[in-house]
Amino acid sequence: MKIKISTQFAGALLALGLVSQASADPVIYLTGSTAFRSTAMTAILSNAGTNSGGVFDAGSVTYVTYGNSSPVGANYAVVHGTIGGAGNPIYLNIAWSGSEAGIASACNSTLLNVDRNGNTITLAGSPEAWLNVSNVTLNGSVNSANPPINLMENGGVPFHGADLAQSDTSQAISWTPYVANTQTALKDYGVEGIVTFCITRNNQTGNSGSGVPSGASSAWADCSNITLPQLNTLISSGVVPASFLSGNTNDSTSTVYLVGRNLGSGTRMNVLGCSTYGAHRPVQQYSIGYGIEETPHQNSLILTNEGNGGYESGGDVAKALGIITPTGSCQQADPFNGGTSWFAVGYISPSDALNTGNFGGAPTNCWMTVDGFPSNNGTIENGQFWYWGHEHLNGKYQISGTADLVGNYLFSGIVKSLAALTLGANPAGHDPAIQNSLMNVTKSTDVAFPGF
């Protein structure tokens, strides 16, 4: 992987505003973590005001979103409102690309990766492509498809970085590390809260959320737990016999494949760093549904070796793990290693998993326990489940003026939103984020286990 630092920022847009009305209101660009997207968007889209978990002044928010049937799951959005008082109307232009891609975008940098065929490719989102606020109508519409090219700045070709970026880890372990007095010297506004994750098997037919799916094999059911050494072996090799996880020799004819994220992901950075595997070490991963780089993706159990590559968002991983066509992977022969069946294991945020019918409550449902502990609010808050991160908000080098004002209100609004929504208060819940005040443990670094 290589990092290329751009030497120039693009100039500001000359005309900003709604389709029906030109505006000189400033545009602030936000990107970053897809795992924290729903949490951040809940605060951003709130019309309750800054004292009640909103980012904007009460009643001032208008918006449009693209890329998901839920506004808080959108890939792209433009939000308009006043901030810090009626005299500060702004546009917040949002494109969620992943934590590491977001850090790179805020640094006006480009992350380069190598695809499964050995070709150098640019990771999407570093820098990001943005909606053109002049070409969209802020009528509260929620569009499940991504925006067409005619609604994007510069024809959808990225040409400038972000002002603000959410990240699931700090720059201390980033692919784009902090270097003083350079564009990489981002402002860290602090830790807004805890971002949560889970380890899960892929869906199978008959998955009702109330027990072992009817289409699951005995090997799938047996592999309800994964230990830290087993997880690191799976990350390194990308494939193991199910018997390696279950300890049952009868499961040796079923194979387990790893599905995960690319270098732009904080979800990946957390699982590699916190598991002691090594945040920057290469992995072996697979995709489901015709490959990551091929389009269109297919709702079919087509397994592809992606090498060190992976999906750009947690939503994409969730969709891949949710494919059961035609009969579920446990009913399909292993396409690579000659087994009689196969299934996948992935790392993902709880919100992305639950939104695609990938139910929690291991061991009877899809999610796996890790070293015997499930992913839930209580196990995270008390230190038994280690796979979680500190959520940071980062600002571009020498951020100032309106952009810095928005950064401060965004940070404060998200912190207050976590409290207003009482996220983490139910120990058995699977909230996408947890308030700092509820944590009984902490992590001394991005790659540490929880401690007191």
Protein backbone atom coordinates (compact mmCIF):
# COMPACT_ATOMS: atom_id res chain seq x y z
CA MET A 1 0.00 0.00 0.00
CA LYS A 2 1.25 3.48 -0.87
CA ILE A 3 0.12 6.91 0.24
CA LYS A 4 0.26 9.85 -2.12
CA ILE A 5 -0.13 13.35 -0.68
CA SER A 6 -1.84 15.85 -2.95
CA THR A 7 -0.16 19.25 -3.11
CA GLN A 8 -3.13 21.48 -3.82
CA PHE A 9 -6.62 21.89 -2.49
CA ALA A 10 -9.31 22.68 -5.02
CA GLY A 11 -10.95 26.09 -4.85
CA ALA A 12 -14.33 26.64 -3.28
CA LEU A 13 -17.46 26.19 -5.33
CA LEU A 14 -18.65 29.44 -6.89
CA ALA A 15 -22.38 28.83 -6.66
CA LEU A 16 -24.08 27.02 -3.86
CA GLY A 17 -27.72 26.45 -3.03
CA LEU A 18 -30.97 24.74 -3.80
CA VAL A 19 -32.26 24.17 -7.29
CA SER A 20 -34.82 26.85 -6.79
CA GLN A 21 -32.67 29.43 -4.99
CA ALA A 22 -29.01 30.40 -5.27
CA SER A 23 -27.20 30.70 -1.93
CA ALA A 24 -23.88 31.88 -0.59
CA ASP A 25 -24.13 29.64 2.46
CA PRO A 26 -20.85 27.81 3.12
CA VAL A 27 -20.52 24.10 2.36
CA ILE A 28 -18.76 21.90 4.92
CA TYR A 29 -17.70 18.41 3.80
CA LEU A 30 -18.02 15.40 6.12
CA THR A 31 -16.93 11.80 5.51
CA GLY A 32 -15.59 8.77 7.37
CA SER A 33 -16.82 5.78 9.33
CA THR A 34 -19.64 3.70 7.88
CA ALA A 35 -19.92 1.78 11.18
CA PHE A 36 -20.72 5.05 12.98
CA ARG A 37 -22.83 6.43 10.13
CA SER A 38 -26.26 5.72 11.63
CA THR A 39 -25.25 7.27 14.95
CA ALA A 40 -23.86 10.42 13.36
CA MET A 41 -26.75 10.78 10.92
CA THR A 42 -29.32 10.49 13.71
CA ALA A 43 -27.80 13.57 15.36
CA ILE A 44 -27.28 15.43 12.08
CA LEU A 45 -30.85 14.96 10.83
CA SER A 46 -32.43 15.78 14.19
CA ASN A 47 -34.59 18.90 14.37
CA ALA A 48 -34.65 18.77 18.18
CA GLY A 49 -31.87 21.33 18.59
CA THR A 50 -28.39 21.33 20.05
CA ASN A 51 -29.54 20.86 23.64
CA SER A 52 -31.49 17.69 22.79
CA GLY A 53 -29.06 15.66 20.71
CA GLY A 54 -29.12 17.63 17.47
CA VAL A 55 -26.27 19.29 15.60
CA PHE A 56 -28.31 22.08 14.02
CA ASP A 57 -30.61 24.65 15.60
CA ALA A 58 -34.08 23.37 16.40
CA GLY A 59 -36.47 23.27 13.43
CA SER A 60 -33.89 24.44 10.88
CA VAL A 61 -32.96 21.12 9.22
CA THR A 62 -33.80 20.24 5.61
CA TYR A 63 -32.10 17.44 3.72
CA VAL A 64 -31.96 14.86 0.94
CA THR A 65 -30.26 11.44 1.17
CA TYR A 66 -29.08 8.81 -1.32
CA GLY A 67 -27.89 5.22 -1.26
CA ASN A 68 -30.14 3.58 1.33
CA SER A 69 -33.83 3.20 2.08
CA SER A 70 -33.16 4.64 5.54
CA PRO A 71 -31.91 8.24 5.85
CA VAL A 72 -29.52 7.32 8.66
CA GLY A 73 -28.00 4.59 6.45
CA ALA A 74 -27.42 6.89 3.46
CA ASN A 75 -24.16 6.83 1.52
CA TYR A 76 -24.61 10.47 0.45
CA ALA A 77 -26.58 13.38 1.88
CA VAL A 78 -26.87 17.15 1.81
CA VAL A 79 -28.23 18.76 4.97
CA HIS A 80 -28.99 22.47 5.41
CA GLY A 81 -29.68 24.33 8.62
CA THR A 82 -28.49 26.99 10.99
CA ILE A 83 -25.83 26.22 13.52
CA GLY A 84 -24.91 28.12 16.64
CA GLY A 85 -27.72 30.59 16.03
CA ALA A 86 -29.84 31.78 13.12
CA GLY A 87 -26.97 33.83 11.73
CA ASN A 88 -24.98 30.75 10.70
CA PRO A 89 -26.77 28.82 7.92
CA ILE A 90 -24.60 26.11 6.35
CA TYR A 91 -24.73 23.08 4.07
CA LEU A 92 -23.29 19.85 5.42
CA ASN A 93 -22.25 17.75 2.41
CA ILE A 94 -21.87 14.12 3.49
CA ALA A 95 -20.32 11.06 1.84
CA TRP A 96 -19.57 8.04 4.04
CA SER A 97 -16.54 6.11 2.76
CA GLY A 98 -14.93 4.39 5.76
CA SER A 99 -12.71 5.58 8.61
CA GLU A 100 -9.33 5.24 6.93
CA ALA A 101 -10.58 6.58 3.60
CA GLY A 102 -12.10 9.47 5.58
CA ILE A 103 -8.83 10.28 7.34
CA ALA A 104 -7.06 10.21 3.98
CA SER A 105 -9.69 12.51 2.48
CA ALA A 106 -9.35 15.01 5.34
CA CYS A 107 -5.59 14.92 4.70
CA ASN A 108 -6.28 15.53 0.98
CA SER A 109 -4.44 12.26 0.36
CA THR A 110 -4.94 9.17 -1.76
CA LEU A 111 -4.78 5.61 -0.45
CA LEU A 112 -3.59 3.08 -3.02
CA ASN A 113 -4.29 -0.63 -2.76
CA VAL A 114 -3.54 -3.69 -4.89
CA ASP A 115 -6.52 -5.65 -6.21
CA ARG A 116 -6.76 -9.44 -6.34
CA ASN A 117 -5.05 -9.44 -9.75
CA GLY A 118 -2.06 -7.38 -8.60
CA ASN A 119 -3.21 -4.10 -10.15
CA THR A 120 -2.80 -0.84 -8.25
CA ILE A 121 -6.16 0.78 -7.55
CA THR A 122 -7.28 3.88 -5.70
CA LEU A 123 -9.53 3.28 -2.73
CA ALA A 124 -12.85 5.03 -3.14
CA GLY A 125 -13.28 7.99 -0.82
CA SER A 126 -9.66 9.16 -0.71
CA PRO A 127 -10.48 11.80 -1.76
CA GLU A 128 -14.25 11.55 -1.89
CA ALA A 129 -16.78 12.35 -4.61
CA TRP A 130 -19.46 14.77 -3.42
CA LEU A 131 -22.99 15.82 -4.21
CA ASN A 132 -23.37 19.26 -5.77
CA VAL A 133 -25.59 21.24 -3.40
CA SER A 134 -26.73 23.39 -6.33
CA ASN A 135 -28.20 20.37 -8.11
CA VAL A 136 -30.22 18.72 -5.35
CA THR A 137 -33.57 19.60 -3.82
CA LEU A 138 -33.73 19.47 -0.04
CA ASN A 139 -37.26 18.16 0.35
CA GLY A 140 -36.64 15.39 2.88
CA SER A 141 -36.63 12.70 0.19
CA VAL A 142 -34.84 9.42 0.88
CA ASN A 143 -33.46 7.75 -2.27
CA SER A 144 -32.39 4.12 -1.98
CA ALA A 145 -30.14 4.36 -5.06
CA ASN A 146 -26.86 6.26 -5.16
CA PRO A 147 -27.08 9.67 -6.86
CA PRO A 148 -26.73 9.98 -10.65
CA ILE A 149 -23.66 11.71 -12.08
CA ASN A 150 -25.58 14.89 -12.91
CA LEU A 151 -26.11 15.52 -9.19
CA MET A 152 -22.41 15.25 -8.34
CA GLU A 153 -19.68 17.87 -8.19
CA ASN A 154 -17.19 17.74 -11.06
CA GLY A 155 -19.11 14.98 -12.81
CA GLY A 156 -18.50 12.64 -9.89
CA VAL A 157 -14.70 12.88 -10.18
CA PRO A 158 -13.10 13.60 -6.77
CA PHE A 159 -11.19 16.87 -6.70
CA HIS A 160 -10.94 17.97 -3.09
CA GLY A 161 -10.78 16.49 0.38
CA ALA A 162 -13.05 16.65 3.41
CA ASP A 163 -13.24 19.24 6.17
CA LEU A 164 -14.30 16.69 8.80
CA ALA A 165 -13.98 12.92 9.13
CA GLN A 166 -15.35 10.40 11.60
CA SER A 167 -12.97 7.53 12.43
CA ASP A 168 -13.23 4.39 14.55
CA THR A 169 -9.57 4.71 15.60
CA SER A 170 -7.11 7.58 15.98
CA GLN A 171 -4.36 8.60 13.58
CA ALA A 172 -1.89 6.77 15.82
CA ILE A 173 -2.38 3.57 13.78
CA SER A 174 -3.73 5.12 10.58
CA TRP A 175 -2.43 4.44 7.07
CA THR A 176 -2.19 8.25 6.92
CA PRO A 177 -0.34 9.09 10.15
CA TYR A 178 -0.06 12.50 11.79
CA VAL A 179 2.98 14.49 10.68
CA ALA A 180 3.25 17.94 12.24
CA ASN A 181 3.01 20.99 9.97
CA THR A 182 1.73 18.97 7.00
CA GLN A 183 -1.72 18.30 5.58
CA THR A 184 -1.77 15.11 7.64
CA ALA A 185 -1.75 17.06 10.93
CA LEU A 186 -5.48 16.70 11.58
CA LYS A 187 -7.26 18.23 14.55
CA ASP A 188 -8.68 15.53 16.86
CA TYR A 189 -11.83 16.90 18.49
CA GLY A 190 -11.86 13.96 20.90
CA VAL A 191 -13.73 10.71 21.52
CA GLU A 192 -17.48 11.05 21.01
CA GLY A 193 -18.32 7.57 22.23
CA ILE A 194 -17.73 3.88 21.67
CA VAL A 195 -18.37 2.29 18.27
CA THR A 196 -19.42 -1.36 18.48
CA PHE A 197 -18.85 -4.42 16.29
CA CYS A 198 -19.65 -8.13 16.12
CA ILE A 199 -18.34 -11.33 14.53
CA THR A 200 -21.03 -13.19 12.60
CA ARG A 201 -21.72 -16.14 10.33
CA ASN A 202 -23.60 -15.56 7.08
CA ASN A 203 -27.38 -15.95 6.89
CA GLN A 204 -28.96 -19.26 5.95
CA THR A 205 -32.45 -20.15 4.73
CA GLY A 206 -35.08 -20.27 7.43
CA ASN A 207 -33.36 -17.61 9.54
CA SER A 208 -36.18 -16.19 11.65
CA GLY A 209 -34.04 -14.75 14.41
CA SER A 210 -35.43 -17.22 16.92
CA GLY A 211 -33.10 -20.19 16.55
CA VAL A 212 -30.74 -22.09 14.27
CA PRO A 213 -31.88 -21.51 10.66
CA SER A 214 -33.53 -24.54 9.09
CA GLY A 215 -31.07 -24.47 6.17
CA ALA A 216 -27.98 -24.36 8.35
CA SER A 217 -25.65 -27.35 8.53
CA SER A 218 -24.58 -28.97 11.77
CA ALA A 219 -21.12 -27.45 11.17
CA TRP A 220 -22.64 -23.94 10.97
CA ALA A 221 -24.48 -24.57 14.24
CA ASP A 222 -21.37 -26.01 15.90
CA CYS A 223 -19.30 -22.93 15.04
CA SER A 224 -21.07 -20.57 17.41
CA ASN A 225 -17.87 -19.42 19.13
CA ILE A 226 -14.46 -18.31 17.91
CA THR A 227 -11.35 -17.88 20.04
CA LEU A 228 -8.78 -15.15 19.53
CA PRO A 229 -6.13 -17.55 18.10
CA GLN A 230 -8.75 -19.07 15.77
CA LEU A 231 -9.82 -15.61 14.58
CA ASN A 232 -6.24 -14.60 13.82
CA THR A 233 -5.68 -17.80 11.85
CA LEU A 234 -8.86 -17.20 9.83
CA ILE A 235 -7.80 -13.59 9.15
CA SER A 236 -4.37 -14.74 7.94
CA SER A 237 -5.47 -17.66 5.77
CA GLY A 238 -8.97 -16.54 4.75
CA VAL A 239 -10.23 -20.12 4.90
CA VAL A 240 -10.27 -22.91 7.52
CA PRO A 241 -12.16 -26.20 7.93
CA ALA A 242 -15.18 -25.79 10.16
CA SER A 243 -13.73 -28.45 12.47
CA PHE A 244 -10.89 -26.03 13.30
CA LEU A 245 -13.45 -23.71 14.90
CA SER A 246 -15.85 -26.28 16.37
CA GLY A 247 -13.44 -28.97 17.52
CA ASN A 248 -15.81 -31.56 16.03
CA THR A 249 -14.08 -33.83 13.50
CA ASN A 250 -17.44 -34.48 11.82
CA ASP A 251 -17.37 -30.85 10.62
CA SER A 252 -14.18 -31.29 8.59
CA THR A 253 -16.04 -31.51 5.26
CA SER A 254 -17.45 -27.98 5.67
CA THR A 255 -15.28 -24.93 4.97
CA VAL A 256 -15.32 -21.44 6.53
CA TYR A 257 -14.37 -18.32 4.52
CA LEU A 258 -13.63 -14.79 5.77
CA VAL A 259 -15.58 -11.82 4.36
CA GLY A 260 -14.42 -8.33 5.30
CA ARG A 261 -13.43 -4.76 4.50
CA ASN A 262 -10.73 -2.97 2.50
CA LEU A 263 -7.92 -0.69 3.69
CA GLY A 264 -10.31 2.27 3.98
CA SER A 265 -12.15 0.69 6.88
CA GLY A 266 -11.97 1.43 10.60
CA THR A 267 -13.96 -1.76 11.21
CA ARG A 268 -11.05 -3.67 9.69
CA MET A 269 -8.47 -1.54 11.52
CA ASN A 270 -10.15 -2.36 14.84
CA VAL A 271 -10.43 -6.11 14.34
CA LEU A 272 -6.82 -6.39 13.12
CA GLY A 273 -5.38 -4.06 15.74
CA CYS A 274 -7.38 -5.11 18.78
CA SER A 275 -7.00 -8.83 18.06
CA THR A 276 -3.18 -8.41 18.15
CA TYR A 277 -3.04 -9.66 14.55
CA GLY A 278 -1.49 -6.37 13.39
CA ALA A 279 -3.40 -3.40 12.01
CA HIS A 280 -1.25 -3.10 8.87
CA ARG A 281 -0.66 -6.77 8.12
CA PRO A 282 -2.20 -8.17 4.91
CA VAL A 283 -5.16 -10.51 5.13
CA GLN A 284 -6.95 -13.04 2.95
CA GLN A 285 -10.65 -12.36 2.32
CA TYR A 286 -13.50 -13.40 0.06
CA SER A 287 -16.57 -11.76 -1.44
CA ILE A 288 -20.03 -13.17 -2.08
CA GLY A 289 -22.04 -12.14 -5.14
CA TYR A 290 -19.78 -11.89 -8.21
CA GLY A 291 -16.78 -10.10 -6.71
CA ILE A 292 -16.14 -6.68 -5.22
CA GLU A 293 -14.90 -4.95 -8.38
CA GLU A 294 -17.47 -6.42 -10.76
CA THR A 295 -20.82 -4.79 -11.34
CA PRO A 296 -23.58 -5.35 -10.93
CA HIS A 297 -23.24 -7.37 -7.76
CA GLN A 298 -25.52 -10.37 -7.85
CA ASN A 299 -27.83 -11.75 -5.21
CA SER A 300 -26.28 -15.16 -5.63
CA LEU A 301 -23.84 -17.33 -3.67
CA ILE A 302 -20.83 -16.73 -5.93
CA LEU A 303 -17.65 -16.89 -3.84
CA THR A 304 -14.57 -14.92 -5.03
CA ASN A 305 -11.07 -14.76 -3.54
CA GLU A 306 -10.28 -11.05 -3.00
CA GLY A 307 -6.82 -11.44 -1.45
CA ASN A 308 -6.05 -8.40 0.73
CA GLY A 309 -9.07 -6.55 -0.68
CA GLY A 310 -12.52 -6.19 0.79
CA TYR A 311 -15.76 -4.26 0.73
CA GLU A 312 -15.90 -0.47 0.94
CA SER A 313 -18.66 -0.32 3.56
CA GLY A 314 -20.19 -2.34 6.34
CA GLY A 315 -23.47 -2.22 4.47
CA ASP A 316 -21.84 -4.07 1.57
CA VAL A 317 -20.50 -6.75 3.93
CA ALA A 318 -23.97 -7.08 5.46
CA LYS A 319 -25.55 -7.55 2.03
CA ALA A 320 -22.95 -10.18 1.13
CA LEU A 321 -23.52 -12.09 4.37
CA GLY A 322 -27.27 -11.84 3.80
CA ILE A 323 -27.30 -13.63 0.41
CA ILE A 324 -29.08 -16.99 0.63
CA THR A 325 -29.96 -17.51 -3.07
CA PRO A 326 -30.62 -20.18 -4.13
CA THR A 327 -30.69 -22.31 -0.96
CA GLY A 328 -28.10 -21.00 1.48
CA SER A 329 -24.36 -21.65 1.41
CA CYS A 330 -24.63 -24.63 3.77
CA GLN A 331 -26.54 -26.43 1.01
CA GLN A 332 -23.90 -25.59 -1.63
CA ALA A 333 -20.69 -27.49 -2.38
CA ASP A 334 -17.44 -25.72 -1.49
CA PRO A 335 -16.26 -24.13 -4.78
CA PHE A 336 -12.55 -24.01 -3.87
CA ASN A 337 -11.56 -26.74 -1.43
CA GLY A 338 -13.77 -29.68 -2.27
CA GLY A 339 -15.91 -29.66 0.84
CA THR A 340 -19.54 -30.70 0.82
CA SER A 341 -20.66 -27.26 2.09
CA TRP A 342 -19.34 -23.86 3.12
CA PHE A 343 -20.26 -20.79 5.10
CA ALA A 344 -18.76 -17.38 5.75
CA VAL A 345 -17.68 -15.40 8.81
CA GLY A 346 -17.50 -11.61 8.73
CA TYR A 347 -16.77 -8.66 11.00
CA ILE A 348 -19.36 -5.90 10.96
CA SER A 349 -21.26 -3.31 12.99
CA PRO A 350 -24.40 -4.50 14.82
CA SER A 351 -26.60 -1.96 13.01
CA ASP A 352 -25.49 -3.14 9.56
CA ALA A 353 -25.97 -6.77 10.59
CA LEU A 354 -29.41 -6.30 12.10
CA ASN A 355 -30.60 -4.16 9.18
CA THR A 356 -30.05 -7.10 6.82
CA GLY A 357 -31.70 -9.79 8.96
CA ASN A 358 -28.39 -11.03 10.36
CA PHE A 359 -29.65 -11.60 13.89
CA GLY A 360 -27.70 -11.37 17.14
CA GLY A 361 -28.07 -13.49 20.24
CA ALA A 362 -25.40 -16.11 19.59
CA PRO A 363 -25.18 -19.05 19.67
CA THR A 364 -28.68 -19.82 18.36
CA ASN A 365 -28.59 -17.08 15.71
CA CYS A 366 -25.94 -15.81 13.30
CA TRP A 367 -23.60 -13.93 15.61
CA MET A 368 -20.67 -15.74 17.16
CA THR A 369 -19.38 -15.37 20.67
CA VAL A 370 -15.69 -14.46 20.94
CA ASP A 371 -13.84 -16.41 23.62
CA GLY A 372 -17.25 -17.31 24.98
CA PHE A 373 -18.69 -13.79 25.21
CA PRO A 374 -21.37 -12.29 22.93
CA SER A 375 -21.28 -8.80 21.49
CA ASN A 376 -23.71 -6.68 23.47
CA ASN A 377 -23.70 -3.43 25.42
CA GLY A 378 -23.00 -5.09 28.77
CA THR A 379 -20.05 -7.25 27.67
CA ILE A 380 -18.45 -4.27 25.93
CA GLU A 381 -18.97 -1.91 28.87
CA ASN A 382 -17.49 -4.43 31.31
CA GLY A 383 -14.54 -5.57 29.21
CA GLN A 384 -15.46 -9.16 28.30
CA PHE A 385 -15.94 -8.40 24.59
CA TRP A 386 -12.85 -6.61 23.22
CA TYR A 387 -13.89 -5.78 19.64
CA TRP A 388 -14.88 -2.09 19.84
CA GLY A 389 -13.29 1.28 19.16
CA HIS A 390 -13.09 4.86 20.31
CA GLU A 391 -14.95 7.07 17.83
CA HIS A 392 -12.96 10.19 16.91
CA LEU A 393 -13.93 13.31 14.97
CA ASN A 394 -11.07 14.75 12.92
CA GLY A 395 -10.73 18.14 11.26
CA LYS A 396 -8.52 19.03 8.31
CA TYR A 397 -5.12 20.68 8.79
CA GLN A 398 -5.47 24.20 10.23
CA ILE A 399 -9.27 23.95 10.25
CA SER A 400 -10.79 27.28 11.24
CA GLY A 401 -13.81 29.53 10.90
CA THR A 402 -17.15 28.00 9.96
CA ALA A 403 -15.69 24.53 9.36
CA ASP A 404 -14.23 24.45 12.87
CA LEU A 405 -17.51 25.79 14.30
CA VAL A 406 -19.37 22.94 12.60
CA GLY A 407 -16.80 20.46 13.93
CA ASN A 408 -17.42 21.62 17.49
CA TYR A 409 -21.20 21.44 17.12
CA LEU A 410 -21.01 18.06 15.41
CA PHE A 411 -18.88 16.65 18.23
CA SER A 412 -21.14 18.10 20.93
CA GLY A 413 -24.33 17.09 19.12
CA ILE A 414 -23.26 13.47 18.75
CA VAL A 415 -22.22 13.21 22.40
CA LYS A 416 -25.59 14.62 23.48
CA SER A 417 -27.42 12.38 21.00
CA LEU A 418 -25.88 9.25 22.55
CA ALA A 419 -27.17 10.42 25.93
CA ALA A 420 -30.61 11.44 24.63
CA LEU A 421 -31.03 8.04 22.97
CA THR A 422 -29.66 6.29 26.09
CA LEU A 423 -27.38 4.22 23.86
CA GLY A 424 -25.72 1.46 25.85
CA ALA A 425 -28.17 1.65 28.75
CA ASN A 426 -29.68 -1.80 28.09
CA PRO A 427 -26.95 -4.37 28.87
CA ALA A 428 -28.50 -6.98 26.55
CA GLY A 429 -28.90 -4.52 23.67
CA HIS A 430 -26.81 -4.29 20.51
CA ASP A 431 -26.53 -0.51 20.12
CA PRO A 432 -24.35 0.92 17.34
CA ALA A 433 -22.64 3.19 19.87
CA ILE A 434 -22.27 3.51 23.63
CA GLN A 435 -21.95 6.60 25.81
CA ASN A 436 -18.48 7.13 27.28
CA SER A 437 -20.02 7.52 30.74
CA LEU A 438 -21.32 3.93 30.73
CA MET A 439 -17.94 2.33 30.09
CA ASN A 440 -16.39 0.55 33.06
CA VAL A 441 -13.22 -0.17 31.06
CA THR A 442 -11.06 1.73 28.64
CA LYS A 443 -8.34 1.04 26.07
CA SER A 444 -4.98 2.72 26.54
CA THR A 445 -4.29 2.62 22.79
CA ASP A 446 -6.08 1.69 19.57
CA VAL A 447 -4.50 -1.78 19.72
CA ALA A 448 -5.00 -2.52 23.42
CA PHE A 449 -7.36 -4.92 25.16
CA PRO A 450 -9.88 -3.36 27.57
CA GLY A 451 -8.50 -2.54 31.00
CA PHE A 452 -9.34 -0.61 34.14
